[in-house]
Amino acid sequence: MICMDEQPVQLLDHSWPPQKMNTGQVQKEDYEYIRKGSCSLFMFREPLAGWRHVQASERSIKSDWALQIQELLEVHYPEVKRVRLVMDNLNTHTISFFRSCMKPLSLNVL
């Protein structure tokens, strides 16, 4: 059983460098930031084995999701006959994309 989720993340930078801490004082940071873009994190976790894998992608579209699933099956679990994937029902998470665009995989969908 593998749990999967993806999360959009903003990439931020400091507009002013943080001030170094002095003895007995806390570090001071300004609340302003510079937006450097965004990315999508694909997170896979196998809770019973203590395994996890995180991959950052520039965007979040069906082909990115399908490539992540393909990597999961071919790289991380090549010898496994069946993987039970637990995920949300986001509109980009469709098994039909494999059948139409990706190279053939033996998918047993429940």
PDB file of N, CA and C in Angstrom:
ATOM      1  N   MET A   1       0.850  -1.170   0.000  1.00  0.00           N
ATOM      2  CA  MET A   1       0.000   0.000   0.000  1.00  0.00           C
ATOM      3  C   MET A   1       0.900   1.238   0.000  1.00  0.00           C
ATOM      4  N   ILE A   2       0.642   2.108  -0.952  1.00  0.00           N
ATOM      5  CA  ILE A   2       1.409   3.348  -1.074  1.00  0.00           C
ATOM      6  C   ILE A   2       0.440   4.515  -1.086  1.00  0.00           C
ATOM      7  N   CYS A   3       0.723   5.510  -0.257  1.00  0.00           N
ATOM      8  CA  CYS A   3      -0.090   6.723  -0.201  1.00  0.00           C
ATOM      9  C   CYS A   3       0.580   7.791  -1.044  1.00  0.00           C
ATOM     10  N   MET A   4      -0.224   8.526  -1.807  1.00  0.00           N
ATOM     11  CA  MET A   4       0.317   9.538  -2.703  1.00  0.00           C
ATOM     12  C   MET A   4      -0.470  10.827  -2.534  1.00  0.00           C
ATOM     13  N   ASP A   5       0.231  11.933  -2.553  1.00  0.00           N
ATOM     14  CA  ASP A   5      -0.412  13.237  -2.549  1.00  0.00           C
ATOM     15  C   ASP A   5       0.501  14.209  -3.268  1.00  0.00           C
ATOM     16  N   GLU A   6      -0.083  15.265  -3.768  1.00  0.00           N
ATOM     17  CA  GLU A   6       0.721  16.331  -4.350  1.00  0.00           C
ATOM     18  C   GLU A   6       0.294  17.651  -3.742  1.00  0.00           C
ATOM     19  N   GLN A   7       1.244  18.564  -3.702  1.00  0.00           N
ATOM     20  CA  GLN A   7       0.993  19.826  -3.032  1.00  0.00           C
ATOM     21  C   GLN A   7       1.672  20.950  -3.799  1.00  0.00           C
ATOM     22  N   PRO A   8       0.935  22.011  -4.130  1.00  0.00           N
ATOM     23  CA  PRO A   8       1.580  23.174  -4.733  1.00  0.00           C
ATOM     24  C   PRO A   8       2.317  23.967  -3.653  1.00  0.00           C
ATOM     25  N   VAL A   9       3.482  24.472  -4.003  1.00  0.00           N
ATOM     26  CA  VAL A   9       4.315  25.190  -3.038  1.00  0.00           C
ATOM     27  C   VAL A   9       4.834  26.463  -3.684  1.00  0.00           C
ATOM     28  N   GLN A  10       4.782  27.576  -2.935  1.00  0.00           N
ATOM     29  CA  GLN A  10       5.389  28.812  -3.407  1.00  0.00           C
ATOM     30  C   GLN A  10       6.879  28.779  -3.086  1.00  0.00           C
ATOM     31  N   LEU A  11       7.695  29.261  -3.987  1.00  0.00           N
ATOM     32  CA  LEU A  11       9.129  29.382  -3.761  1.00  0.00           C
ATOM     33  C   LEU A  11       9.415  30.826  -3.375  1.00  0.00           C
ATOM     34  N   LEU A  12       9.893  31.014  -2.148  1.00  0.00           N
ATOM     35  CA  LEU A  12      10.081  32.360  -1.605  1.00  0.00           C
ATOM     36  C   LEU A  12      11.535  32.611  -1.257  1.00  0.00           C
ATOM     37  N   ASP A  13      11.903  33.890  -1.256  1.00  0.00           N
ATOM     38  CA  ASP A  13      13.245  34.309  -0.848  1.00  0.00           C
ATOM     39  C   ASP A  13      13.089  35.526   0.062  1.00  0.00           C
ATOM     40  N   HIS A  14      14.091  35.774   0.886  1.00  0.00           N
ATOM     41  CA  HIS A  14      14.076  36.945   1.760  1.00  0.00           C
ATOM     42  C   HIS A  14      14.280  38.209   0.930  1.00  0.00           C
ATOM     43  N   SER A  15      13.530  39.274   1.261  1.00  0.00           N
ATOM     44  CA  SER A  15      13.797  40.556   0.607  1.00  0.00           C
ATOM     45  C   SER A  15      14.952  41.280   1.301  1.00  0.00           C
ATOM     46  N   TRP A  16      15.137  40.985   2.573  1.00  0.00           N
ATOM     47  CA  TRP A  16      16.272  41.498   3.353  1.00  0.00           C
ATOM     48  C   TRP A  16      16.913  40.309   4.053  1.00  0.00           C
ATOM     49  N   PRO A  17      18.235  40.237   4.100  1.00  0.00           N
ATOM     50  CA  PRO A  17      18.854  39.088   4.775  1.00  0.00           C
ATOM     51  C   PRO A  17      18.542  39.104   6.275  1.00  0.00           C
ATOM     52  N   PRO A  18      18.326  37.929   6.869  1.00  0.00           N
ATOM     53  CA  PRO A  18      18.062  37.869   8.317  1.00  0.00           C
ATOM     54  C   PRO A  18      19.270  38.392   9.107  1.00  0.00           C
ATOM     55  N   GLN A  19      18.994  39.033  10.228  1.00  0.00           N
ATOM     56  CA  GLN A  19      20.071  39.524  11.083  1.00  0.00           C
ATOM     57  C   GLN A  19      20.593  38.374  11.915  1.00  0.00           C
ATOM     58  N   LYS A  20      21.898  38.316  12.064  1.00  0.00           N
ATOM     59  CA  LYS A  20      22.498  37.238  12.846  1.00  0.00           C
ATOM     60  C   LYS A  20      22.121  37.370  14.316  1.00  0.00           C
ATOM     61  N   MET A  21      22.048  36.211  14.969  1.00  0.00           N
ATOM     62  CA  MET A  21      21.691  36.189  16.387  1.00  0.00           C
ATOM     63  C   MET A  21      22.881  36.640  17.229  1.00  0.00           C
ATOM     64  N   ASN A  22      22.582  37.378  18.250  1.00  0.00           N
ATOM     65  CA  ASN A  22      23.562  37.703  19.284  1.00  0.00           C
ATOM     66  C   ASN A  22      23.227  36.867  20.504  1.00  0.00           C
ATOM     67  N   THR A  23      24.161  36.718  21.399  1.00  0.00           N
ATOM     68  CA  THR A  23      23.923  35.932  22.607  1.00  0.00           C
ATOM     69  C   THR A  23      22.743  36.506  23.372  1.00  0.00           C
ATOM     70  N   GLY A  24      21.778  35.636  23.679  1.00  0.00           N
ATOM     71  CA  GLY A  24      20.615  36.054  24.440  1.00  0.00           C
ATOM     72  C   GLY A  24      19.520  36.700  23.610  1.00  0.00           C
ATOM     73  N   GLN A  25      19.665  36.748  22.284  1.00  0.00           N
ATOM     74  CA  GLN A  25      18.640  37.346  21.431  1.00  0.00           C
ATOM     75  C   GLN A  25      18.186  36.341  20.388  1.00  0.00           C
ATOM     76  N   VAL A  26      16.992  36.536  19.884  1.00  0.00           N
ATOM     77  CA  VAL A  26      16.474  35.676  18.837  1.00  0.00           C
ATOM     78  C   VAL A  26      16.853  36.238  17.468  1.00  0.00           C
ATOM     79  N   GLN A  27      16.874  35.370  16.464  1.00  0.00           N
ATOM     80  CA  GLN A  27      17.178  35.817  15.110  1.00  0.00           C
ATOM     81  C   GLN A  27      16.028  36.673  14.596  1.00  0.00           C
ATOM     82  N   LYS A  28      16.359  37.743  13.892  1.00  0.00           N
ATOM     83  CA  LYS A  28      15.342  38.658  13.392  1.00  0.00           C
ATOM     84  C   LYS A  28      15.245  38.520  11.875  1.00  0.00           C
ATOM     85  N   GLU A  29      14.000  38.315  11.421  1.00  0.00           N
ATOM     86  CA  GLU A  29      13.732  38.217   9.992  1.00  0.00           C
ATOM     87  C   GLU A  29      12.612  39.176   9.633  1.00  0.00           C
ATOM     88  N   ASP A  30      12.702  39.760   8.458  1.00  0.00           N
ATOM     89  CA  ASP A  30      11.669  40.660   7.979  1.00  0.00           C
ATOM     90  C   ASP A  30      10.503  39.846   7.438  1.00  0.00           C
ATOM     91  N   TYR A  31       9.306  40.385   7.493  1.00  0.00           N
ATOM     92  CA  TYR A  31       8.131  39.666   7.002  1.00  0.00           C
ATOM     93  C   TYR A  31       7.979  39.743   5.488  1.00  0.00           C
ATOM     94  N   GLU A  32       8.701  40.661   4.845  1.00  0.00           N
ATOM     95  CA  GLU A  32       8.607  40.782   3.391  1.00  0.00           C
ATOM     96  C   GLU A  32       9.375  39.649   2.724  1.00  0.00           C
ATOM     97  N   TYR A  33       8.883  39.260   1.574  1.00  0.00           N
ATOM     98  CA  TYR A  33       9.550  38.201   0.810  1.00  0.00           C
ATOM     99  C   TYR A  33       9.428  38.494  -0.680  1.00  0.00           C
ATOM    100  N   ILE A  34      10.239  37.804  -1.438  1.00  0.00           N
ATOM    101  CA  ILE A  34      10.207  37.890  -2.898  1.00  0.00           C
ATOM    102  C   ILE A  34       9.728  36.543  -3.419  1.00  0.00           C
ATOM    103  N   ARG A  35       8.695  36.577  -4.241  1.00  0.00           N
ATOM    104  CA  ARG A  35       8.170  35.331  -4.808  1.00  0.00           C
ATOM    105  C   ARG A  35       9.051  34.910  -5.974  1.00  0.00           C
ATOM    106  N   LYS A  36       9.546  33.692  -5.918  1.00  0.00           N
ATOM    107  CA  LYS A  36      10.448  33.166  -6.937  1.00  0.00           C
ATOM    108  C   LYS A  36       9.779  32.133  -7.832  1.00  0.00           C
ATOM    109  N   GLY A  37       8.451  32.006  -7.733  1.00  0.00           N
ATOM    110  CA  GLY A  37       7.742  31.045  -8.567  1.00  0.00           C
ATOM    111  C   GLY A  37       7.004  30.030  -7.717  1.00  0.00           C
ATOM    112  N   SER A  38       6.666  28.929  -8.342  1.00  0.00           N
ATOM    113  CA  SER A  38       5.973  27.863  -7.635  1.00  0.00           C
ATOM    114  C   SER A  38       6.373  26.518  -8.225  1.00  0.00           C
ATOM    115  N   CYS A  39       6.077  25.470  -7.499  1.00  0.00           N
ATOM    116  CA  CYS A  39       6.335  24.118  -7.982  1.00  0.00           C
ATOM    117  C   CYS A  39       5.287  23.195  -7.368  1.00  0.00           C
ATOM    118  N   SER A  40       5.292  21.975  -7.799  1.00  0.00           N
ATOM    119  CA  SER A  40       4.378  20.977  -7.260  1.00  0.00           C
ATOM    120  C   SER A  40       5.213  19.839  -6.677  1.00  0.00           C
ATOM    121  N   LEU A  41       4.917  19.460  -5.449  1.00  0.00           N
ATOM    122  CA  LEU A  41       5.610  18.351  -4.800  1.00  0.00           C
ATOM    123  C   LEU A  41       4.760  17.093  -4.905  1.00  0.00           C
ATOM    124  N   PHE A  42       5.337  16.033  -5.438  1.00  0.00           N
ATOM    125  CA  PHE A  42       4.693  14.726  -5.481  1.00  0.00           C
ATOM    126  C   PHE A  42       5.288  13.900  -4.347  1.00  0.00           C
ATOM    127  N   MET A  43       4.436  13.470  -3.419  1.00  0.00           N
ATOM    128  CA  MET A  43       4.900  12.761  -2.235  1.00  0.00           C
ATOM    129  C   MET A  43       4.328  11.352  -2.215  1.00  0.00           C
ATOM    130  N   PHE A  44       5.208  10.366  -2.097  1.00  0.00           N
ATOM    131  CA  PHE A  44       4.803   8.965  -2.008  1.00  0.00           C
ATOM    132  C   PHE A  44       5.294   8.422  -0.676  1.00  0.00           C
ATOM    133  N   ARG A  45       4.469   7.603  -0.041  1.00  0.00           N
ATOM    134  CA  ARG A  45       4.840   7.045   1.261  1.00  0.00           C
ATOM    135  C   ARG A  45       4.267   5.646   1.392  1.00  0.00           C
ATOM    136  N   GLU A  46       5.108   4.749   1.865  1.00  0.00           N
ATOM    137  CA  GLU A  46       4.655   3.405   2.203  1.00  0.00           C
ATOM    138  C   GLU A  46       4.739   3.289   3.723  1.00  0.00           C
ATOM    139  N   PRO A  47       3.633   3.530   4.425  1.00  0.00           N
ATOM    140  CA  PRO A  47       3.686   3.623   5.886  1.00  0.00           C
ATOM    141  C   PRO A  47       4.126   2.343   6.582  1.00  0.00           C
ATOM    142  N   LEU A  48       3.779   1.193   6.051  1.00  0.00           N
ATOM    143  CA  LEU A  48       4.129  -0.056   6.719  1.00  0.00           C
ATOM    144  C   LEU A  48       5.618  -0.380   6.611  1.00  0.00           C
ATOM    145  N   ALA A  49       6.296   0.169   5.612  1.00  0.00           N
ATOM    146  CA  ALA A  49       7.725  -0.088   5.436  1.00  0.00           C
ATOM    147  C   ALA A  49       8.594   1.092   5.868  1.00  0.00           C
ATOM    148  N   GLY A  50       7.969   2.237   6.151  1.00  0.00           N
ATOM    149  CA  GLY A  50       8.745   3.414   6.535  1.00  0.00           C
ATOM    150  C   GLY A  50       9.447   4.069   5.363  1.00  0.00           C
ATOM    151  N   TRP A  51       8.956   3.860   4.142  1.00  0.00           N
ATOM    152  CA  TRP A  51       9.581   4.404   2.935  1.00  0.00           C
ATOM    153  C   TRP A  51       8.839   5.649   2.495  1.00  0.00           C
ATOM    154  N   ARG A  52       9.575   6.643   1.998  1.00  0.00           N
ATOM    155  CA  ARG A  52       8.952   7.828   1.417  1.00  0.00           C
ATOM    156  C   ARG A  52       9.825   8.365   0.291  1.00  0.00           C
ATOM    157  N   HIS A  53       9.166   9.063  -0.612  1.00  0.00           N
ATOM    158  CA  HIS A  53       9.848   9.637  -1.770  1.00  0.00           C
ATOM    159  C   HIS A  53       9.139  10.935  -2.135  1.00  0.00           C
ATOM    160  N   VAL A  54       9.914  11.994  -2.324  1.00  0.00           N
ATOM    161  CA  VAL A  54       9.361  13.292  -2.706  1.00  0.00           C
ATOM    162  C   VAL A  54      10.065  13.751  -3.974  1.00  0.00           C
ATOM    163  N   GLN A  55       9.284  14.220  -4.924  1.00  0.00           N
ATOM    164  CA  GLN A  55       9.832  14.711  -6.190  1.00  0.00           C
ATOM    165  C   GLN A  55       9.186  16.062  -6.487  1.00  0.00           C
ATOM    166  N   ALA A  56       9.985  17.054  -6.826  1.00  0.00           N
ATOM    167  CA  ALA A  56       9.470  18.372  -7.193  1.00  0.00           C
ATOM    168  C   ALA A  56       9.327  18.445  -8.705  1.00  0.00           C
ATOM    169  N   SER A  57       8.238  19.067  -9.130  1.00  0.00           N
ATOM    170  CA  SER A  57       7.973  19.235 -10.550  1.00  0.00           C
ATOM    171  C   SER A  57       7.615  20.695 -10.797  1.00  0.00           C
ATOM    172  N   GLU A  58       7.938  21.167 -11.975  1.00  0.00           N
ATOM    173  CA  GLU A  58       7.685  22.564 -12.301  1.00  0.00           C
ATOM    174  C   GLU A  58       6.190  22.874 -12.362  1.00  0.00           C
ATOM    175  N   ARG A  59       5.399  21.887 -12.715  1.00  0.00           N
ATOM    176  CA  ARG A  59       3.957  22.089 -12.855  1.00  0.00           C
ATOM    177  C   ARG A  59       3.230  20.829 -12.385  1.00  0.00           C
ATOM    178  N   SER A  60       1.914  20.886 -12.447  1.00  0.00           N
ATOM    179  CA  SER A  60       1.108  19.741 -12.036  1.00  0.00           C
ATOM    180  C   SER A  60       0.057  19.471 -13.107  1.00  0.00           C
ATOM    181  N   ILE A  61       0.405  18.636 -14.065  1.00  0.00           N
ATOM    182  CA  ILE A  61      -0.534  18.266 -15.113  1.00  0.00           C
ATOM    183  C   ILE A  61      -0.583  16.742 -15.200  1.00  0.00           C
ATOM    184  N   LYS A  62      -1.504  16.224 -15.999  1.00  0.00           N
ATOM    185  CA  LYS A  62      -1.700  14.774 -16.068  1.00  0.00           C
ATOM    186  C   LYS A  62      -0.424  14.035 -16.424  1.00  0.00           C
ATOM    187  N   SER A  63       0.340  14.568 -17.378  1.00  0.00           N
ATOM    188  CA  SER A  63       1.548  13.849 -17.802  1.00  0.00           C
ATOM    189  C   SER A  63       2.592  13.806 -16.688  1.00  0.00           C
ATOM    190  N   ASP A  64       2.696  14.860 -15.876  1.00  0.00           N
ATOM    191  CA  ASP A  64       3.630  14.847 -14.740  1.00  0.00           C
ATOM    192  C   ASP A  64       3.222  13.778 -13.731  1.00  0.00           C
ATOM    193  N   TRP A  65       1.922  13.717 -13.439  1.00  0.00           N
ATOM    194  CA  TRP A  65       1.427  12.696 -12.522  1.00  0.00           C
ATOM    195  C   TRP A  65       1.693  11.302 -13.065  1.00  0.00           C
ATOM    196  N   ALA A  66       1.415  11.098 -14.342  1.00  0.00           N
ATOM    197  CA  ALA A  66       1.615   9.783 -14.946  1.00  0.00           C
ATOM    198  C   ALA A  66       3.090   9.385 -14.926  1.00  0.00           C
ATOM    199  N   LEU A  67       3.990  10.336 -15.168  1.00  0.00           N
ATOM    200  CA  LEU A  67       5.428  10.034 -15.113  1.00  0.00           C
ATOM    201  C   LEU A  67       5.856   9.648 -13.698  1.00  0.00           C
ATOM    202  N   GLN A  68       5.286  10.296 -12.692  1.00  0.00           N
ATOM    203  CA  GLN A  68       5.610   9.952 -11.305  1.00  0.00           C
ATOM    204  C   GLN A  68       5.137   8.539 -10.967  1.00  0.00           C
ATOM    205  N   ILE A  69       3.950   8.187 -11.422  1.00  0.00           N
ATOM    206  CA  ILE A  69       3.434   6.840 -11.174  1.00  0.00           C
ATOM    207  C   ILE A  69       4.271   5.811 -11.925  1.00  0.00           C
ATOM    208  N   GLN A  70       4.648   6.147 -13.143  1.00  0.00           N
ATOM    209  CA  GLN A  70       5.475   5.234 -13.932  1.00  0.00           C
ATOM    210  C   GLN A  70       6.827   5.012 -13.247  1.00  0.00           C
ATOM    211  N   GLU A  71       7.436   6.090 -12.732  1.00  0.00           N
ATOM    212  CA  GLU A  71       8.703   5.949 -12.005  1.00  0.00           C
ATOM    213  C   GLU A  71       8.507   5.101 -10.753  1.00  0.00           C
ATOM    214  N   LEU A  72       7.415   5.319 -10.048  1.00  0.00           N
ATOM    215  CA  LEU A  72       7.126   4.531  -8.853  1.00  0.00           C
ATOM    216  C   LEU A  72       7.105   3.045  -9.179  1.00  0.00           C
ATOM    217  N   LEU A  73       6.422   2.671 -10.255  1.00  0.00           N
ATOM    218  CA  LEU A  73       6.265   1.262 -10.599  1.00  0.00           C
ATOM    219  C   LEU A  73       7.517   0.664 -11.223  1.00  0.00           C
ATOM    220  N   GLU A  74       8.228   1.404 -12.050  1.00  0.00           N
ATOM    221  CA  GLU A  74       9.370   0.841 -12.773  1.00  0.00           C
ATOM    222  C   GLU A  74      10.699   0.978 -12.040  1.00  0.00           C
ATOM    223  N   VAL A  75      10.847   2.016 -11.227  1.00  0.00           N
ATOM    224  CA  VAL A  75      12.128   2.252 -10.541  1.00  0.00           C
ATOM    225  C   VAL A  75      12.095   1.761  -9.099  1.00  0.00           C
ATOM    226  N   HIS A  76      11.064   2.148  -8.356  1.00  0.00           N
ATOM    227  CA  HIS A  76      11.033   1.843  -6.923  1.00  0.00           C
ATOM    228  C   HIS A  76      10.425   0.477  -6.605  1.00  0.00           C
ATOM    229  N   TYR A  77       9.503   0.013  -7.441  1.00  0.00           N
ATOM    230  CA  TYR A  77       8.842  -1.267  -7.191  1.00  0.00           C
ATOM    231  C   TYR A  77       8.768  -2.112  -8.470  1.00  0.00           C
ATOM    232  N   PRO A  78       9.896  -2.399  -9.104  1.00  0.00           N
ATOM    233  CA  PRO A  78       9.840  -3.127 -10.381  1.00  0.00           C
ATOM    234  C   PRO A  78       9.432  -4.594 -10.237  1.00  0.00           C
ATOM    235  N   GLU A  79       9.694  -5.212  -9.100  1.00  0.00           N
ATOM    236  CA  GLU A  79       9.423  -6.639  -8.919  1.00  0.00           C
ATOM    237  C   GLU A  79       8.052  -6.918  -8.292  1.00  0.00           C
ATOM    238  N   VAL A  80       7.339  -5.891  -7.905  1.00  0.00           N
ATOM    239  CA  VAL A  80       6.067  -6.068  -7.218  1.00  0.00           C
ATOM    240  C   VAL A  80       4.957  -6.308  -8.237  1.00  0.00           C
ATOM    241  N   LYS A  81       4.100  -7.309  -7.977  1.00  0.00           N
ATOM    242  CA  LYS A  81       3.011  -7.623  -8.895  1.00  0.00           C
ATOM    243  C   LYS A  81       1.850  -6.649  -8.766  1.00  0.00           C
ATOM    244  N   ARG A  82       1.568  -6.178  -7.552  1.00  0.00           N
ATOM    245  CA  ARG A  82       0.417  -5.305  -7.338  1.00  0.00           C
ATOM    246  C   ARG A  82       0.797  -4.217  -6.339  1.00  0.00           C
ATOM    247  N   VAL A  83       0.399  -2.999  -6.654  1.00  0.00           N
ATOM    248  CA  VAL A  83       0.573  -1.868  -5.752  1.00  0.00           C
ATOM    249  C   VAL A  83      -0.810  -1.283  -5.505  1.00  0.00           C
ATOM    250  N   ARG A  84      -1.158  -1.140  -4.245  1.00  0.00           N
ATOM    251  CA  ARG A  84      -2.420  -0.493  -3.887  1.00  0.00           C
ATOM    252  C   ARG A  84      -2.092   0.972  -3.615  1.00  0.00           C
ATOM    253  N   LEU A  85      -2.578   1.846  -4.491  1.00  0.00           N
ATOM    254  CA  LEU A  85      -2.268   3.267  -4.421  1.00  0.00           C
ATOM    255  C   LEU A  85      -3.442   4.010  -3.797  1.00  0.00           C
ATOM    256  N   VAL A  86      -3.168   4.694  -2.686  1.00  0.00           N
ATOM    257  CA  VAL A  86      -4.179   5.482  -1.984  1.00  0.00           C
ATOM    258  C   VAL A  86      -3.903   6.940  -2.331  1.00  0.00           C
ATOM    259  N   MET A  87      -4.911   7.601  -2.938  1.00  0.00           N
ATOM    260  CA  MET A  87      -4.731   8.996  -3.346  1.00  0.00           C
ATOM    261  C   MET A  87      -6.074   9.703  -3.388  1.00  0.00           C
ATOM    262  N   ASP A  88      -6.037  11.007  -3.539  1.00  0.00           N
ATOM    263  CA  ASP A  88      -7.267  11.778  -3.636  1.00  0.00           C
ATOM    264  C   ASP A  88      -7.824  11.683  -5.058  1.00  0.00           C
ATOM    265  N   ASN A  89      -8.944  12.328  -5.288  1.00  0.00           N
ATOM    266  CA  ASN A  89      -9.571  12.244  -6.599  1.00  0.00           C
ATOM    267  C   ASN A  89      -9.395  13.532  -7.400  1.00  0.00           C
ATOM    268  N   LEU A  90      -8.207  14.070  -7.403  1.00  0.00           N
ATOM    269  CA  LEU A  90      -7.900  15.256  -8.186  1.00  0.00           C
ATOM    270  C   LEU A  90      -8.120  14.963  -9.666  1.00  0.00           C
ATOM    271  N   ASN A  91      -8.541  15.961 -10.424  1.00  0.00           N
ATOM    272  CA  ASN A  91      -8.883  15.723 -11.825  1.00  0.00           C
ATOM    273  C   ASN A  91      -7.697  15.278 -12.683  1.00  0.00           C
ATOM    274  N   THR A  92      -6.470  15.492 -12.250  1.00  0.00           N
ATOM    275  CA  THR A  92      -5.315  15.027 -13.029  1.00  0.00           C
ATOM    276  C   THR A  92      -4.947  13.582 -12.727  1.00  0.00           C
ATOM    277  N   HIS A  93      -5.553  12.983 -11.713  1.00  0.00           N
ATOM    278  CA  HIS A  93      -5.235  11.610 -11.324  1.00  0.00           C
ATOM    279  C   HIS A  93      -6.181  10.639 -12.020  1.00  0.00           C
ATOM    280  N   THR A  94      -5.975  10.422 -13.302  1.00  0.00           N
ATOM    281  CA  THR A  94      -6.842   9.503 -14.038  1.00  0.00           C
ATOM    282  C   THR A  94      -6.019   8.401 -14.674  1.00  0.00           C
ATOM    283  N   ILE A  95      -6.486   7.194 -14.522  1.00  0.00           N
ATOM    284  CA  ILE A  95      -5.788   6.037 -15.064  1.00  0.00           C
ATOM    285  C   ILE A  95      -5.903   5.983 -16.580  1.00  0.00           C
ATOM    286  N   SER A  96      -6.911   6.638 -17.156  1.00  0.00           N
ATOM    287  CA  SER A  96      -7.092   6.619 -18.611  1.00  0.00           C
ATOM    288  C   SER A  96      -5.910   7.257 -19.336  1.00  0.00           C
ATOM    289  N   PHE A  97      -5.200   8.140 -18.664  1.00  0.00           N
ATOM    290  CA  PHE A  97      -4.054   8.781 -19.302  1.00  0.00           C
ATOM    291  C   PHE A  97      -2.967   7.758 -19.641  1.00  0.00           C
ATOM    292  N   PHE A  98      -2.797   6.741 -18.804  1.00  0.00           N
ATOM    293  CA  PHE A  98      -1.811   5.698 -19.091  1.00  0.00           C
ATOM    294  C   PHE A  98      -2.154   4.965 -20.374  1.00  0.00           C
ATOM    295  N   ARG A  99      -3.407   4.640 -20.524  1.00  0.00           N
ATOM    296  CA  ARG A  99      -3.826   3.850 -21.677  1.00  0.00           C
ATOM    297  C   ARG A  99      -3.685   4.622 -22.980  1.00  0.00           C
ATOM    298  N   SER A 100      -3.802   5.946 -22.930  1.00  0.00           N
ATOM    299  CA  SER A 100      -3.770   6.720 -24.165  1.00  0.00           C
ATOM    300  C   SER A 100      -2.394   7.266 -24.519  1.00  0.00           C
ATOM    301  N   CYS A 101      -1.574   7.618 -23.527  1.00  0.00           N
ATOM    302  CA  CYS A 101      -0.345   8.350 -23.845  1.00  0.00           C
ATOM    303  C   CYS A 101       0.959   7.705 -23.400  1.00  0.00           C
ATOM    304  N   MET A 102       0.953   6.939 -22.362  1.00  0.00           N
ATOM    305  CA  MET A 102       2.197   6.418 -21.829  1.00  0.00           C
ATOM    306  C   MET A 102       2.489   5.036 -22.427  1.00  0.00           C
ATOM    307  N   LYS A 103       3.726   4.600 -22.238  1.00  0.00           N
ATOM    308  CA  LYS A 103       4.053   3.257 -22.712  1.00  0.00           C
ATOM    309  C   LYS A 103       3.286   2.232 -21.884  1.00  0.00           C
ATOM    310  N   PRO A 104       2.995   1.085 -22.460  1.00  0.00           N
ATOM    311  CA  PRO A 104       2.111   0.125 -21.789  1.00  0.00           C
ATOM    312  C   PRO A 104       2.648  -0.339 -20.439  1.00  0.00           C
ATOM    313  N   LEU A 105       1.776  -0.298 -19.455  1.00  0.00           N
ATOM    314  CA  LEU A 105       2.055  -0.836 -18.124  1.00  0.00           C
ATOM    315  C   LEU A 105       0.938  -1.814 -17.803  1.00  0.00           C
ATOM    316  N   SER A 106       1.253  -2.839 -17.088  1.00  0.00           N
ATOM    317  CA  SER A 106       0.198  -3.779 -16.693  1.00  0.00           C
ATOM    318  C   SER A 106      -0.440  -3.247 -15.419  1.00  0.00           C
ATOM    319  N   LEU A 107      -1.512  -2.470 -15.566  1.00  0.00           N
ATOM    320  CA  LEU A 107      -2.183  -1.854 -14.428  1.00  0.00           C
ATOM    321  C   LEU A 107      -3.433  -2.638 -14.076  1.00  0.00           C
ATOM    322  N   ASN A 108      -3.543  -2.999 -12.834  1.00  0.00           N
ATOM    323  CA  ASN A 108      -4.726  -3.669 -12.332  1.00  0.00           C
ATOM    324  C   ASN A 108      -5.434  -2.669 -11.432  1.00  0.00           C
ATOM    325  N   VAL A 109      -6.458  -2.011 -11.949  1.00  0.00           N
ATOM    326  CA  VAL A 109      -7.132  -0.933 -11.231  1.00  0.00           C
ATOM    327  C   VAL A 109      -8.340  -1.469 -10.513  1.00  0.00           C
ATOM    328  N   LEU A 110      -8.437  -1.135  -9.224  1.00  0.00           N
ATOM    329  CA  LEU A 110      -9.602  -1.549  -8.436  1.00  0.00           C
ATOM    330  C   LEU A 110     -10.619  -0.431  -8.411  1.00  0.00           C
TER     331      LEU A 110
END
